[in-house]
Every structure is written in C-alpha cells, then in structure tokens.
Amino acid sequence: MASRGVWIVDWDLPQKQASQRVAFYRALKALRKKYGVENHMSSQSVMILHNQEAAKAVHLLARRYGRSNLYWAIPQTVNDLDNGAE
C-alpha cells in the first residue's frame, strides 16, 4: 500500500457500561505506549495511525468492548481531485 496513506480506527462503546469504557481506555493507553503512538486522536473515538500493526491492535481491542471500523485512507488535496488523482 502507498506509504502516504493512514489507518483510521473508529469505535463506539456502549454508554451504560462505564466500567467497561474505563477498562478500554486503560488498555488503549497501554497499546499507545507499546507502539509509541502519541497525539493521534482526532476525537475521543477516532484514532489515526501510520502503523498497520498498531491500527489492527486498536481495532481488535475496540471490538472486544463495542463496535469498531478500520479504514485505509489516502489523503487527497483539492488539486489532486481536480487532476483526477485516486
């Protein structure tokens, strides 16, 4: 895959299980430390990563606690779109 792409992981955790959300974010903190990921949260429930292994680990963790999606994205600029780039 192109090196300029990024992995995006988004998740949705059940609201009623506060203790499970706390456990998820503690485990996520450990994964971030393991893979050296800092400040790649675009929101509370979306993480943008350059490392596929880290992205898959976050995705699998989130699936244990709720729903999760994993995407590969290639950033585009307006010029790229105007020139027909994909």
Protein backbone atom coordinates (compact mmCIF):
# COMPACT_ATOMS: atom_id res chain seq x y z
CA MET A 1 0.00 0.00 0.00
CA ALA A 2 1.08 3.56 -0.60
CA SER A 3 3.25 4.96 2.14
CA ARG A 4 1.36 8.25 2.18
CA GLY A 5 -1.81 6.62 3.47
CA VAL A 6 -3.03 6.38 7.04
CA TRP A 7 -5.03 3.90 9.05
CA ILE A 8 -8.18 5.20 10.71
CA VAL A 9 -9.85 3.33 13.55
CA ASP A 10 -13.20 4.47 14.89
CA TRP A 11 -15.22 2.87 17.65
CA ASP A 12 -18.48 3.07 19.51
CA LEU A 13 -18.62 1.83 23.09
CA PRO A 14 -21.87 1.18 24.99
CA GLN A 15 -22.83 4.16 27.19
CA LYS A 16 -24.33 2.11 30.01
CA GLN A 17 -21.13 0.24 30.87
CA ALA A 18 -18.91 2.94 32.35
CA SER A 19 -16.52 0.42 33.93
CA GLN A 20 -16.00 -1.22 30.52
CA ARG A 21 -15.23 2.16 28.92
CA VAL A 22 -12.67 2.85 31.64
CA ALA A 23 -11.09 -0.57 31.05
CA PHE A 24 -11.00 0.08 27.29
CA TYR A 25 -9.24 3.45 27.65
CA ARG A 26 -6.71 1.98 30.09
CA ALA A 27 -5.95 -0.82 27.61
CA LEU A 28 -5.78 1.74 24.78
CA LYS A 29 -3.28 3.77 26.78
CA ALA A 30 -1.11 0.64 27.11
CA LEU A 31 -1.31 0.00 23.35
CA ARG A 32 -0.38 3.60 22.60
CA LYS A 33 2.67 3.22 24.83
CA LYS A 34 3.61 -0.15 23.26
CA TYR A 35 3.51 1.25 19.71
CA GLY A 36 4.84 4.71 20.57
CA VAL A 37 1.65 6.45 19.47
CA GLU A 38 1.23 9.97 20.78
CA ASN A 39 -1.42 12.57 19.97
CA HIS A 40 -3.08 10.73 17.09
CA MET A 41 -6.63 11.06 18.38
CA SER A 42 -8.80 13.12 16.08
CA SER A 43 -11.68 12.80 18.58
CA GLN A 44 -12.50 10.73 21.63
CA SER A 45 -13.45 7.76 19.44
CA VAL A 46 -11.25 8.06 16.33
CA MET A 47 -7.54 7.34 16.05
CA ILE A 48 -5.34 8.00 13.02
CA LEU A 49 -2.26 5.80 12.71
CA HIS A 50 0.58 5.24 10.26
CA ASN A 51 1.42 1.78 11.61
CA GLN A 52 -0.81 -1.04 10.33
CA GLU A 53 0.03 -3.37 13.22
CA ALA A 54 -0.91 -0.71 15.78
CA ALA A 55 -4.13 0.07 13.90
CA LYS A 56 -5.16 -3.58 13.87
CA ALA A 57 -4.37 -3.92 17.58
CA VAL A 58 -6.53 -0.87 18.41
CA HIS A 59 -9.33 -2.18 16.18
CA LEU A 60 -9.31 -5.62 17.85
CA LEU A 61 -9.25 -4.02 21.30
CA ALA A 62 -12.23 -1.81 20.46
CA ARG A 63 -14.18 -4.80 19.10
CA ARG A 64 -13.81 -6.53 22.46
CA TYR A 65 -15.61 -3.61 24.12
CA GLY A 66 -18.03 -2.46 21.41
CA ARG A 67 -18.10 -1.79 17.68
CA SER A 68 -15.14 -0.72 15.59
CA ASN A 69 -14.23 0.05 11.99
CA LEU A 70 -10.79 0.04 10.40
CA TYR A 71 -10.09 2.07 7.26
CA TRP A 72 -7.10 2.69 4.99
CA ALA A 73 -7.18 6.26 3.70
CA ILE A 74 -5.03 8.18 1.26
CA PRO A 75 -5.20 11.91 1.95
CA GLN A 76 -6.27 13.99 -1.02
CA THR A 77 -5.93 17.69 -1.74
CA VAL A 78 -8.27 19.77 -3.84
CA ASN A 79 -5.56 19.82 -6.54
CA ASP A 80 -5.40 16.00 -6.51
CA LEU A 81 -9.14 15.79 -7.02
CA ASP A 82 -9.13 18.43 -9.77
CA ASN A 83 -6.42 16.46 -11.61
CA GLY A 84 -8.30 13.17 -11.40
CA ALA A 85 -5.99 11.51 -8.87
CA GLU A 86 -7.31 8.49 -6.99
